[in-house]
C-alpha atoms as a PDB file:
ATOM      1  CA  MET A   1      12.453   5.039  26.985  1.00  0.00           C
ATOM      2  CA  THR A   2      14.346   2.572  29.132  1.00  0.00           C
ATOM      3  CA  GLU A   3      15.014  -1.139  29.187  1.00  0.00           C
ATOM      4  CA  THR A   4      13.311  -3.063  31.976  1.00  0.00           C
ATOM      5  CA  THR A   5      14.356  -6.642  31.311  1.00  0.00           C
ATOM      6  CA  ALA A   6      17.546  -8.643  31.083  1.00  0.00           C
ATOM      7  CA  ARG A   7      16.894  -9.703  27.509  1.00  0.00           C
ATOM      8  CA  THR A   8      19.649  -8.413  25.218  1.00  0.00           C
ATOM      9  CA  PRO A   9      18.715  -8.395  21.523  1.00  0.00           C
ATOM     10  CA  PRO A  10      21.337  -7.268  19.020  1.00  0.00           C
ATOM     11  CA  ASP A  11      22.522  -3.667  19.009  1.00  0.00           C
ATOM     12  CA  LEU A  12      20.216  -1.966  16.526  1.00  0.00           C
ATOM     13  CA  SER A  13      21.155   1.612  17.254  1.00  0.00           C
ATOM     14  CA  THR A  14      19.029   3.085  14.469  1.00  0.00           C
ATOM     15  CA  SER A  15      15.837   1.272  15.495  1.00  0.00           C
ATOM     16  CA  PRO A  16      12.982   2.683  17.610  1.00  0.00           C
ATOM     17  CA  ALA A  17      13.468   2.598  21.361  1.00  0.00           C
ATOM     18  CA  ARG A  18      11.994  -0.074  23.536  1.00  0.00           C
ATOM     19  CA  SER A  19       8.838   0.709  25.416  1.00  0.00           C
ATOM     20  CA  SER A  20       8.422  -0.013  29.097  1.00  0.00           C
ATOM     21  CA  ALA A  21       4.856   1.323  29.201  1.00  0.00           C
ATOM     22  CA  GLY A  22       3.185  -1.670  27.599  1.00  0.00           C
ATOM     23  CA  GLY A  23       5.392  -4.351  29.148  1.00  0.00           C
ATOM     24  CA  ALA A  24       8.981  -5.190  29.910  1.00  0.00           C
ATOM     25  CA  GLY A  25      11.363  -5.509  27.018  1.00  0.00           C
ATOM     26  CA  ARG A  26       8.932  -4.625  24.228  1.00  0.00           C
ATOM     27  CA  PHE A  27       9.945  -2.527  21.266  1.00  0.00           C
ATOM     28  CA  ALA A  28       7.667   0.370  20.373  1.00  0.00           C
ATOM     29  CA  ARG A  29       5.542   0.161  17.225  1.00  0.00           C
ATOM     30  CA  PRO A  30       5.658   3.056  14.734  1.00  0.00           C
ATOM     31  CA  ALA A  31       3.243   5.767  15.812  1.00  0.00           C
ATOM     32  CA  LEU A  32       0.512   6.560  13.291  1.00  0.00           C
ATOM     33  CA  SER A  33       1.279  10.272  13.624  1.00  0.00           C
ATOM     34  CA  ARG A  34       4.875   9.723  12.416  1.00  0.00           C
ATOM     35  CA  LEU A  35       4.144   7.876   9.192  1.00  0.00           C
ATOM     36  CA  GLY A  36       3.808  10.994   7.030  1.00  0.00           C
ATOM     37  CA  LEU A  37       0.248  10.144   5.999  1.00  0.00           C
ATOM     38  CA  GLY A  38      -2.384  12.364   4.416  1.00  0.00           C
ATOM     39  CA  PRO A  39      -5.842  12.617   6.006  1.00  0.00           C
ATOM     40  CA  GLY A  40      -7.419   9.908   3.833  1.00  0.00           C
ATOM     41  CA  LYS A  41      -4.793   7.315   4.672  1.00  0.00           C
ATOM     42  CA  MET A  42      -4.758   8.386   8.311  1.00  0.00           C
ATOM     43  CA  THR A  43      -8.534   7.998   8.627  1.00  0.00           C
ATOM     44  CA  ARG A  44      -8.626   4.553   7.035  1.00  0.00           C
ATOM     45  CA  LEU A  45      -5.684   3.183   8.997  1.00  0.00           C
ATOM     46  CA  ARG A  46      -7.077   4.593  12.217  1.00  0.00           C
ATOM     47  CA  ARG A  47     -10.358   2.736  11.639  1.00  0.00           C
ATOM     48  CA  MET A  48      -8.560  -0.573  11.338  1.00  0.00           C
ATOM     49  CA  LEU A  49      -6.128   0.127  14.189  1.00  0.00           C
ATOM     50  CA  TYR A  50      -8.601   1.478  16.734  1.00  0.00           C
ATOM     51  CA  ASP A  51     -12.258   1.082  15.695  1.00  0.00           C
ATOM     52  CA  HIS A  52     -12.239  -2.562  14.569  1.00  0.00           C
ATOM     53  CA  GLY A  53     -10.472  -5.694  15.712  1.00  0.00           C
ATOM     54  CA  PRO A  54      -8.535  -5.774  18.995  1.00  0.00           C
ATOM     55  CA  GLY A  55      -7.911  -2.016  18.754  1.00  0.00           C
ATOM     56  CA  GLY A  56      -5.200  -0.260  20.697  1.00  0.00           C
ATOM     57  CA  GLY A  57      -3.153   0.398  17.583  1.00  0.00           C
ATOM     58  CA  THR A  58      -2.896  -3.264  16.564  1.00  0.00           C
ATOM     59  CA  LEU A  59      -4.018  -5.190  13.487  1.00  0.00           C
ATOM     60  CA  LEU A  60      -5.570  -8.658  13.287  1.00  0.00           C
ATOM     61  CA  VAL A  61      -6.149  -9.416   9.600  1.00  0.00           C
ATOM     62  CA  LEU A  62      -7.804 -12.466   8.040  1.00  0.00           C
ATOM     63  CA  PRO A  63      -6.549 -13.118   4.479  1.00  0.00           C
ATOM     64  CA  ILE A  64      -8.384 -15.263   1.946  1.00  0.00           C
ATOM     65  CA  ASP A  65      -6.234 -14.780  -1.155  1.00  0.00           C
ATOM     66  CA  GLN A  66      -4.977 -18.378  -1.011  1.00  0.00           C
ATOM     67  CA  GLY A  67      -7.620 -19.651  -3.431  1.00  0.00           C
ATOM     68  CA  LEU A  68      -5.904 -17.730  -6.218  1.00  0.00           C
ATOM     69  CA  GLU A  69      -2.343 -18.041  -4.964  1.00  0.00           C
ATOM     70  CA  HIS A  70      -2.393 -21.742  -4.001  1.00  0.00           C
ATOM     71  CA  GLY A  71      -5.545 -23.147  -5.591  1.00  0.00           C
ATOM     72  CA  PRO A  72      -8.410 -24.965  -3.829  1.00  0.00           C
ATOM     73  CA  VAL A  73      -5.960 -27.362  -2.140  1.00  0.00           C
ATOM     74  CA  ASP A  74      -5.884 -25.232   1.026  1.00  0.00           C
ATOM     75  CA  PHE A  75      -9.595 -25.795   1.620  1.00  0.00           C
ATOM     76  CA  PHE A  76      -9.455 -29.589   1.862  1.00  0.00           C
ATOM     77  CA  GLU A  77      -8.516 -29.554   5.548  1.00  0.00           C
ATOM     78  CA  ASN A  78     -11.713 -27.687   6.412  1.00  0.00           C
ATOM     79  CA  PRO A  79     -14.191 -28.083   3.532  1.00  0.00           C
ATOM     80  CA  ASP A  80     -16.474 -25.411   5.017  1.00  0.00           C
ATOM     81  CA  ALA A  81     -13.782 -22.846   4.230  1.00  0.00           C
ATOM     82  CA  LEU A  82     -14.230 -23.375   0.490  1.00  0.00           C
ATOM     83  CA  ASP A  83     -17.235 -21.047   0.751  1.00  0.00           C
ATOM     84  CA  PRO A  84     -15.863 -17.498   1.240  1.00  0.00           C
ATOM     85  CA  GLN A  85     -18.814 -16.738   3.483  1.00  0.00           C
ATOM     86  CA  TYR A  86     -17.113 -18.959   6.089  1.00  0.00           C
ATOM     87  CA  GLN A  87     -14.183 -16.548   6.299  1.00  0.00           C
ATOM     88  CA  TYR A  88     -16.385 -13.478   6.116  1.00  0.00           C
ATOM     89  CA  ASP A  89     -18.519 -14.754   9.007  1.00  0.00           C
ATOM     90  CA  LEU A  90     -15.363 -15.582  10.967  1.00  0.00           C
ATOM     91  CA  ALA A  91     -14.016 -12.073  10.351  1.00  0.00           C
ATOM     92  CA  ARG A  92     -17.252 -10.473  11.542  1.00  0.00           C
ATOM     93  CA  GLU A  93     -17.955 -12.720  14.519  1.00  0.00           C
ATOM     94  CA  GLY A  94     -14.295 -12.787  15.533  1.00  0.00           C
ATOM     95  CA  ASN A  95     -14.043  -8.981  15.270  1.00  0.00           C
ATOM     96  CA  PHE A  96     -11.060  -8.799  12.941  1.00  0.00           C
ATOM     97  CA  SER A  97      -9.403  -5.543  11.966  1.00  0.00           C
ATOM     98  CA  ALA A  98      -9.916  -6.398   8.292  1.00  0.00           C
ATOM     99  CA  ILE A  99     -10.315  -9.173   5.732  1.00  0.00           C
ATOM    100  CA  ALA A 100      -7.946  -9.286   2.735  1.00  0.00           C
ATOM    101  CA  LEU A 101      -8.981 -10.738  -0.626  1.00  0.00           C
ATOM    102  CA  HIS A 102      -9.145 -10.325  -4.387  1.00  0.00           C
ATOM    103  CA  ILE A 103     -11.679  -8.420  -6.470  1.00  0.00           C
ATOM    104  CA  GLY A 104     -14.009 -11.344  -7.261  1.00  0.00           C
ATOM    105  CA  LEU A 105     -14.575 -12.231  -3.613  1.00  0.00           C
ATOM    106  CA  ALA A 106     -15.082  -8.564  -2.786  1.00  0.00           C
ATOM    107  CA  GLU A 107     -17.598  -7.949  -5.587  1.00  0.00           C
ATOM    108  CA  LYS A 108     -19.680 -11.022  -4.779  1.00  0.00           C
ATOM    109  CA  TYR A 109     -19.631 -11.111  -0.968  1.00  0.00           C
ATOM    110  CA  PHE A 110     -18.494  -7.877   0.645  1.00  0.00           C
ATOM    111  CA  HIS A 111     -21.797  -6.011   0.258  1.00  0.00           C
ATOM    112  CA  GLU A 112     -23.269  -8.211   3.018  1.00  0.00           C
ATOM    113  CA  TYR A 113     -20.497  -7.240   5.444  1.00  0.00           C
ATOM    114  CA  ALA A 114     -19.748  -3.618   4.470  1.00  0.00           C
ATOM    115  CA  GLY A 115     -19.457  -1.488   7.582  1.00  0.00           C
ATOM    116  CA  ASP A 116     -18.959  -4.525   9.811  1.00  0.00           C
ATOM    117  CA  VAL A 117     -15.608  -5.783   8.492  1.00  0.00           C
ATOM    118  CA  PRO A 118     -13.001  -3.450   6.939  1.00  0.00           C
ATOM    119  CA  LEU A 119     -11.796  -4.557   3.505  1.00  0.00           C
ATOM    120  CA  ILE A 120      -8.230  -4.797   2.209  1.00  0.00           C
ATOM    121  CA  LEU A 121      -8.492  -5.270  -1.540  1.00  0.00           C
ATOM    122  CA  LYS A 122      -5.576  -7.249  -2.967  1.00  0.00           C
ATOM    123  CA  LEU A 123      -4.662  -5.663  -6.303  1.00  0.00           C
ATOM    124  CA  ASN A 124      -2.344  -8.250  -7.843  1.00  0.00           C
ATOM    125  CA  GLY A 125      -1.829 -11.981  -7.753  1.00  0.00           C
ATOM    126  CA  LYS A 126      -0.670 -15.112  -9.531  1.00  0.00           C
ATOM    127  CA  THR A 127      -1.264 -18.845  -9.419  1.00  0.00           C
ATOM    128  CA  SER A 128       1.223 -21.373  -8.029  1.00  0.00           C
ATOM    129  CA  ILE A 129       1.374 -23.283 -11.317  1.00  0.00           C
ATOM    130  CA  PRO A 130       4.416 -21.585 -12.931  1.00  0.00           C
ATOM    131  CA  SER A 131       7.847 -21.803 -11.343  1.00  0.00           C
ATOM    132  CA  ASP A 132       8.780 -19.143  -8.794  1.00  0.00           C
ATOM    133  CA  SER A 133      11.991 -18.488 -10.707  1.00  0.00           C
ATOM    134  CA  GLN A 134      10.308 -15.693 -12.734  1.00  0.00           C
ATOM    135  CA  SER A 135       7.753 -14.592 -10.136  1.00  0.00           C
ATOM    136  CA  PHE A 136       5.502 -11.707 -11.131  1.00  0.00           C
ATOM    137  CA  SER A 137       1.942 -10.852 -10.058  1.00  0.00           C
ATOM    138  CA  PRO A 138      -0.079  -8.897 -12.630  1.00  0.00           C
ATOM    139  CA  LEU A 139      -2.823  -6.536 -11.565  1.00  0.00           C
ATOM    140  CA  THR A 140      -6.228  -8.043 -10.838  1.00  0.00           C
ATOM    141  CA  GLY A 141      -7.869  -4.864  -9.538  1.00  0.00           C
ATOM    142  CA  THR A 142      -7.346  -1.114  -9.206  1.00  0.00           C
ATOM    143  CA  VAL A 143      -7.215   1.453  -6.447  1.00  0.00           C
ATOM    144  CA  GLU A 144     -10.422   2.881  -7.911  1.00  0.00           C
ATOM    145  CA  ASP A 145     -12.053  -0.548  -7.394  1.00  0.00           C
ATOM    146  CA  ALA A 146     -10.974  -0.426  -3.758  1.00  0.00           C
ATOM    147  CA  VAL A 147     -12.435   3.037  -3.180  1.00  0.00           C
ATOM    148  CA  ARG A 148     -15.676   2.095  -4.955  1.00  0.00           C
ATOM    149  CA  LEU A 149     -16.042  -0.979  -2.736  1.00  0.00           C
ATOM    150  CA  GLY A 150     -15.356   0.982   0.455  1.00  0.00           C
ATOM    151  CA  ALA A 151     -11.987  -0.627   1.215  1.00  0.00           C
ATOM    152  CA  ASP A 152      -9.790   0.748   3.977  1.00  0.00           C
ATOM    153  CA  ALA A 153      -6.536  -0.356   2.325  1.00  0.00           C
ATOM    154  CA  VAL A 154      -5.100  -2.031  -0.752  1.00  0.00           C
ATOM    155  CA  GLY A 155      -2.604  -4.887  -0.867  1.00  0.00           C
ATOM    156  CA  TYR A 156       0.165  -5.450  -3.396  1.00  0.00           C
ATOM    157  CA  THR A 157       2.724  -8.266  -3.659  1.00  0.00           C
ATOM    158  CA  VAL A 158       6.302  -7.331  -4.570  1.00  0.00           C
ATOM    159  CA  TYR A 159       8.624 -10.222  -5.432  1.00  0.00           C
ATOM    160  CA  VAL A 160      12.022  -8.940  -4.340  1.00  0.00           C
ATOM    161  CA  GLY A 161      14.876 -10.547  -6.258  1.00  0.00           C
ATOM    162  CA  SER A 162      12.786 -11.967  -9.083  1.00  0.00           C
ATOM    163  CA  PRO A 163      14.092 -11.344 -12.616  1.00  0.00           C
ATOM    164  CA  ALA A 164      10.743  -9.601 -13.199  1.00  0.00           C
ATOM    165  CA  GLN A 165      11.190  -7.106 -10.369  1.00  0.00           C
ATOM    166  CA  ASP A 166      11.766  -4.221 -12.806  1.00  0.00           C
ATOM    167  CA  ARG A 167       8.221  -4.692 -14.172  1.00  0.00           C
ATOM    168  CA  ASP A 168       7.012  -5.238 -10.623  1.00  0.00           C
ATOM    169  CA  PHE A 169       8.450  -1.939  -9.383  1.00  0.00           C
ATOM    170  CA  LEU A 170       6.971   0.001 -12.302  1.00  0.00           C
ATOM    171  CA  GLN A 171       3.557  -1.589 -11.815  1.00  0.00           C
ATOM    172  CA  PHE A 172       3.695  -0.777  -8.112  1.00  0.00           C
ATOM    173  CA  LEU A 173       4.645   2.820  -8.907  1.00  0.00           C
ATOM    174  CA  GLU A 174       1.272   3.324 -10.606  1.00  0.00           C
ATOM    175  CA  VAL A 175      -0.566   1.685  -7.705  1.00  0.00           C
ATOM    176  CA  ARG A 176       1.246   3.887  -5.206  1.00  0.00           C
ATOM    177  CA  ARG A 177       0.449   7.041  -7.180  1.00  0.00           C
ATOM    178  CA  ASP A 178      -3.233   6.151  -7.329  1.00  0.00           C
ATOM    179  CA  ALA A 179      -3.271   5.318  -3.630  1.00  0.00           C
ATOM    180  CA  GLU A 180      -1.711   8.687  -2.768  1.00  0.00           C
ATOM    181  CA  ARG A 181      -4.181  10.509  -4.999  1.00  0.00           C
ATOM    182  CA  LEU A 182      -7.191   8.722  -3.500  1.00  0.00           C
ATOM    183  CA  GLY A 183      -5.963   8.593   0.084  1.00  0.00           C
ATOM    184  CA  ILE A 184      -5.885   4.855   0.696  1.00  0.00           C
ATOM    185  CA  PRO A 185      -3.112   2.996   2.584  1.00  0.00           C
ATOM    186  CA  VAL A 186      -0.898   0.488   0.782  1.00  0.00           C
ATOM    187  CA  ILE A 187       0.072  -2.826   2.361  1.00  0.00           C
ATOM    188  CA  VAL A 188       2.978  -4.518   0.576  1.00  0.00           C
ATOM    189  CA  TRP A 189       3.308  -8.302   0.668  1.00  0.00           C
ATOM    190  CA  ALA A 190       7.152  -8.286   0.570  1.00  0.00           C
ATOM    191  CA  TYR A 191       8.222 -11.709  -0.667  1.00  0.00           C
ATOM    192  CA  PRO A 192      11.754 -12.705  -1.741  1.00  0.00           C
ATOM    193  CA  ARG A 193      11.654 -14.928  -4.831  1.00  0.00           C
ATOM    194  CA  GLY A 194      13.774 -16.117  -7.734  1.00  0.00           C
ATOM    195  CA  GLU A 195      16.868 -18.157  -8.486  1.00  0.00           C
ATOM    196  CA  ALA A 196      19.218 -15.441  -7.218  1.00  0.00           C
ATOM    197  CA  VAL A 197      17.470 -15.484  -3.839  1.00  0.00           C
ATOM    198  CA  SER A 198      17.675 -19.286  -3.719  1.00  0.00           C
ATOM    199  CA  LYS A 199      21.428 -19.098  -4.236  1.00  0.00           C
ATOM    200  CA  ARG A 200      21.870 -16.553  -1.426  1.00  0.00           C
ATOM    201  CA  GLY A 201      20.311 -18.352   1.487  1.00  0.00           C
ATOM    202  CA  GLY A 202      16.771 -18.870   0.230  1.00  0.00           C
ATOM    203  CA  LYS A 203      13.491 -16.984   0.539  1.00  0.00           C
ATOM    204  CA  GLU A 204      13.119 -17.692   4.274  1.00  0.00           C
ATOM    205  CA  SER A 205      16.620 -16.549   5.222  1.00  0.00           C
ATOM    206  CA  LEU A 206      17.151 -13.468   7.355  1.00  0.00           C
ATOM    207  CA  TYR A 207      19.067 -11.877   4.486  1.00  0.00           C
ATOM    208  CA  ALA A 208      16.148 -12.262   2.086  1.00  0.00           C
ATOM    209  CA  VAL A 209      13.347 -11.300   4.492  1.00  0.00           C
ATOM    210  CA  ASP A 210      15.326  -8.351   5.858  1.00  0.00           C
ATOM    211  CA  TYR A 211      16.081  -7.112   2.337  1.00  0.00           C
ATOM    212  CA  ALA A 212      12.437  -7.459   1.308  1.00  0.00           C
ATOM    213  CA  ALA A 213      11.263  -5.430   4.309  1.00  0.00           C
ATOM    214  CA  ARG A 214      13.672  -2.629   3.446  1.00  0.00           C
ATOM    215  CA  VAL A 215      12.634  -2.654  -0.207  1.00  0.00           C
ATOM    216  CA  ALA A 216       8.972  -2.312   0.778  1.00  0.00           C
ATOM    217  CA  LEU A 217       9.790   0.705   2.946  1.00  0.00           C
ATOM    218  CA  GLU A 218      11.789   2.374   0.202  1.00  0.00           C
ATOM    219  CA  LEU A 219       9.123   1.733  -2.434  1.00  0.00           C
ATOM    220  CA  GLY A 220       6.547   3.537  -0.310  1.00  0.00           C
ATOM    221  CA  ALA A 221       4.665   0.891   1.685  1.00  0.00           C
ATOM    222  CA  ASP A 222       2.562   2.133   4.592  1.00  0.00           C
ATOM    223  CA  VAL A 223       2.384  -1.390   6.015  1.00  0.00           C
ATOM    224  CA  VAL A 224       4.634  -4.307   5.096  1.00  0.00           C
ATOM    225  CA  LYS A 225       3.694  -7.977   5.363  1.00  0.00           C
ATOM    226  CA  VAL A 226       6.638 -10.317   5.879  1.00  0.00           C
ATOM    227  CA  ASN A 227       7.320 -13.900   6.824  1.00  0.00           C
ATOM    228  CA  TYR A 228       9.218 -14.752   9.969  1.00  0.00           C
ATOM    229  CA  PRO A 229      12.814 -15.567   8.935  1.00  0.00           C
ATOM    230  CA  ALA A 230      13.872 -19.176   9.485  1.00  0.00           C
ATOM    231  CA  ARG A 231      17.412 -20.387  10.145  1.00  0.00           C
ATOM    232  CA  SER A 232      18.815 -23.189   7.995  1.00  0.00           C
ATOM    233  CA  GLU A 233      22.062 -24.555   6.603  1.00  0.00           C
ATOM    234  CA  LYS A 234      21.479 -22.329   3.569  1.00  0.00           C
ATOM    235  CA  ASP A 235      22.289 -19.272   5.697  1.00  0.00           C
ATOM    236  CA  ALA A 236      25.968 -19.948   4.993  1.00  0.00           C
ATOM    237  CA  ASP A 237      25.280 -18.938   1.379  1.00  0.00           C
ATOM    238  CA  SER A 238      23.897 -15.536   2.386  1.00  0.00           C
ATOM    239  CA  PRO A 239      26.081 -12.478   1.739  1.00  0.00           C
ATOM    240  CA  ALA A 240      28.272 -11.188   4.572  1.00  0.00           C
ATOM    241  CA  PRO A 241      27.638 -10.342   7.322  1.00  0.00           C
ATOM    242  CA  TYR A 242      24.364 -12.304   7.272  1.00  0.00           C
ATOM    243  CA  ASN A 243      26.226 -15.575   6.754  1.00  0.00           C
ATOM    244  CA  ALA A 244      27.985 -15.130  10.097  1.00  0.00           C
ATOM    245  CA  LEU A 245      25.122 -13.823  12.232  1.00  0.00           C
ATOM    246  CA  GLN A 246      24.055 -16.005  15.138  1.00  0.00           C
ATOM    247  CA  LEU A 247      20.739 -14.462  16.136  1.00  0.00           C
ATOM    248  CA  SER A 248      17.837 -15.942  18.032  1.00  0.00           C
ATOM    249  CA  PRO A 249      14.477 -16.032  16.203  1.00  0.00           C
ATOM    250  CA  PHE A 250      13.409 -12.957  18.202  1.00  0.00           C
ATOM    251  CA  GLU A 251      16.589 -11.071  17.374  1.00  0.00           C
ATOM    252  CA  ALA A 252      16.312 -11.953  13.689  1.00  0.00           C
ATOM    253  CA  PHE A 253      12.745 -10.742  13.461  1.00  0.00           C
ATOM    254  CA  ARG A 254      13.595  -7.600  15.400  1.00  0.00           C
ATOM    255  CA  LYS A 255      16.214  -6.901  12.718  1.00  0.00           C
ATOM    256  CA  VAL A 256      13.494  -7.190  10.050  1.00  0.00           C
ATOM    257  CA  VAL A 257      11.147  -4.823  11.904  1.00  0.00           C
ATOM    258  CA  ALA A 258      13.971  -2.296  12.279  1.00  0.00           C
ATOM    259  CA  SER A 259      14.656  -2.468   8.538  1.00  0.00           C
ATOM    260  CA  ALA A 260      10.987  -1.687   7.839  1.00  0.00           C
ATOM    261  CA  GLY A 261      11.481   1.661   9.604  1.00  0.00           C
ATOM    262  CA  ARG A 262       8.329   3.784   9.594  1.00  0.00           C
ATOM    263  CA  ALA A 263       6.269   1.158   7.831  1.00  0.00           C
ATOM    264  CA  MET A 264       4.060  -0.886  10.110  1.00  0.00           C
ATOM    265  CA  VAL A 265       4.810  -4.614  10.049  1.00  0.00           C
ATOM    266  CA  LEU A 266       2.325  -7.460   9.690  1.00  0.00           C
ATOM    267  CA  VAL A 267       3.551 -10.990  10.336  1.00  0.00           C
ATOM    268  CA  SER A 268       2.420 -13.729   7.991  1.00  0.00           C
ATOM    269  CA  GLY A 269       1.088 -16.915   9.549  1.00  0.00           C
ATOM    270  CA  GLY A 270       2.102 -19.314   6.807  1.00  0.00           C
ATOM    271  CA  GLU A 271       1.104 -22.963   7.052  1.00  0.00           C
ATOM    272  CA  LYS A 272      -1.099 -24.140   9.900  1.00  0.00           C
ATOM    273  CA  VAL A 273       0.721 -24.873  13.180  1.00  0.00           C
ATOM    274  CA  GLY A 274      -0.376 -25.879  16.666  1.00  0.00           C
ATOM    275  CA  ASP A 275      -1.830 -23.384  19.127  1.00  0.00           C
ATOM    276  CA  PRO A 276       1.236 -23.061  21.408  1.00  0.00           C
ATOM    277  CA  GLU A 277       3.590 -22.341  18.498  1.00  0.00           C
ATOM    278  CA  LEU A 278       1.151 -19.874  16.951  1.00  0.00           C
ATOM    279  CA  LEU A 279       0.554 -17.944  20.176  1.00  0.00           C
ATOM    280  CA  ALA A 280       4.288 -17.823  20.949  1.00  0.00           C
ATOM    281  CA  LYS A 281       4.942 -16.417  17.467  1.00  0.00           C
ATOM    282  CA  VAL A 282       2.340 -13.709  18.013  1.00  0.00           C
ATOM    283  CA  ARG A 283       3.829 -12.620  21.343  1.00  0.00           C
ATOM    284  CA  SER A 284       7.378 -12.644  20.001  1.00  0.00           C
ATOM    285  CA  SER A 285       6.340 -10.619  16.937  1.00  0.00           C
ATOM    286  CA  LEU A 286       4.550  -7.984  19.002  1.00  0.00           C
ATOM    287  CA  ASP A 287       7.481  -7.787  21.432  1.00  0.00           C
ATOM    288  CA  ALA A 288       9.739  -7.111  18.444  1.00  0.00           C
ATOM    289  CA  GLY A 289       7.625  -4.134  17.368  1.00  0.00           C
ATOM    290  CA  ALA A 290       5.235  -5.645  14.845  1.00  0.00           C
ATOM    291  CA  THR A 291       1.874  -3.899  14.557  1.00  0.00           C
ATOM    292  CA  GLY A 292      -0.076  -7.104  14.037  1.00  0.00           C
ATOM    293  CA  ILE A 293      -0.563 -10.418  12.310  1.00  0.00           C
ATOM    294  CA  ILE A 294      -2.198 -11.595   9.112  1.00  0.00           C
ATOM    295  CA  PHE A 295      -3.131 -15.246   9.705  1.00  0.00           C
ATOM    296  CA  GLY A 296      -5.325 -17.126   7.235  1.00  0.00           C
ATOM    297  CA  ARG A 297      -4.819 -20.890   7.162  1.00  0.00           C
ATOM    298  CA  ASN A 298      -3.951 -20.914  10.852  1.00  0.00           C
ATOM    299  CA  LEU A 299      -7.506 -19.775  11.535  1.00  0.00           C
ATOM    300  CA  TRP A 300      -9.899 -20.756   8.751  1.00  0.00           C
ATOM    301  CA  GLN A 301      -8.439 -24.234   8.316  1.00  0.00           C
ATOM    302  CA  ARG A 302      -9.820 -24.891  11.791  1.00  0.00           C
ATOM    303  CA  PRO A 303     -13.467 -25.757  12.526  1.00  0.00           C
ATOM    304  CA  ARG A 304     -15.532 -22.693  13.344  1.00  0.00           C
ATOM    305  CA  ALA A 305     -15.631 -23.233  17.121  1.00  0.00           C
ATOM    306  CA  ASP A 306     -11.865 -23.762  17.305  1.00  0.00           C
ATOM    307  CA  ALA A 307     -11.169 -20.760  15.088  1.00  0.00           C
ATOM    308  CA  LEU A 308     -13.321 -18.482  17.244  1.00  0.00           C
ATOM    309  CA  ARG A 309     -11.756 -19.819  20.446  1.00  0.00           C
ATOM    310  CA  LEU A 310      -8.286 -19.126  19.105  1.00  0.00           C
ATOM    311  CA  THR A 311      -9.375 -15.688  17.912  1.00  0.00           C
ATOM    312  CA  ARG A 312     -10.541 -14.842  21.427  1.00  0.00           C
ATOM    313  CA  GLU A 313      -7.123 -15.866  22.733  1.00  0.00           C
ATOM    314  CA  LEU A 314      -5.476 -13.606  20.158  1.00  0.00           C
ATOM    315  CA  HIS A 315      -7.675 -10.698  21.241  1.00  0.00           C
ATOM    316  CA  GLY A 316      -6.552 -11.300  24.809  1.00  0.00           C
ATOM    317  CA  ILE A 317      -2.903 -11.099  23.781  1.00  0.00           C
ATOM    318  CA  PHE A 318      -3.423  -7.981  21.681  1.00  0.00           C
ATOM    319  CA  ARG A 319      -5.101  -6.184  24.583  1.00  0.00           C
ATOM    320  CA  GLU A 320      -1.842  -6.518  26.502  1.00  0.00           C
ATOM    321  CA  TYR A 321      -0.110  -4.492  23.753  1.00  0.00           C
ATOM    322  CA  ALA A 322      -2.766  -1.793  23.327  1.00  0.00           C
ATOM    323  CA  VAL A 323      -1.660   1.850  23.278  1.00  0.00           C
ATOM    324  CA  PRO A 324      -3.674   5.079  22.903  1.00  0.00           C
ATOM    325  CA  ALA A 325      -3.909   6.750  19.516  1.00  0.00           C
ATOM    326  CA  ARG A 326      -0.780   8.822  18.896  1.00  0.00           C
END
């Protein structure tokens, strides 16, 4: 594949080639056929990538795990969103690729939407009450729960750099084994956390996000969810050569996608931002080779009409990046 634009991201010689078929200067996403998946995982991922949502091999995911992770505080901006049916209705009417949530919200609500909205069952979680210095998310559900509920994928948070990461890795090992046995894809929320991370540039640094993406790949993630790295004065505390890199936001995120290798990448939305910033982030992420986005607060903290309008705009962008099944 050849370059068709003057943009010159960093030399990432081991990363996938750019694609000129879908648009100038875009990096190719990992092909489903090259992920080494069994038929169960392939079937479920294909449903989300092509049969639901924007399609064309992209993912538009609506998460609603914030009630456990952050508490009810996130629902104050749009009180309607306190009722999980608000997000479920948004996912169905907005034609999302999937909705991601914990076992309680799946048990009590998903039966009304089964077949209409694919489910990603989040299997572990924690509250925001304890300090992040010892971050660890215990299991809240099982892969068997996910299969019983008709989920198309499971989600698991790994806190890279936390003093508890040894327990985290072992817990994830059992989840991964069950997922392989039952043929269900695993999406890893790859989050840097802990005092050691704070001392080396912080959890939003390129060093930390890049490391977390690589860890998720090596642990066996099929899809990895990451935050967009953010530059700050703390970058000087990152290990070499990260402390000397002068990369644009696009170049930094491209580095993260390259480190994720043959794991598809989902970009986290984070806190609510304005429409122009959000849409620019989506385009930049897809140009860098991300498979899709997983935006929660940026959508369901908006009134219904605004959320659906923005979702239609997102669908329009995703259609520009659509590719045939391969």
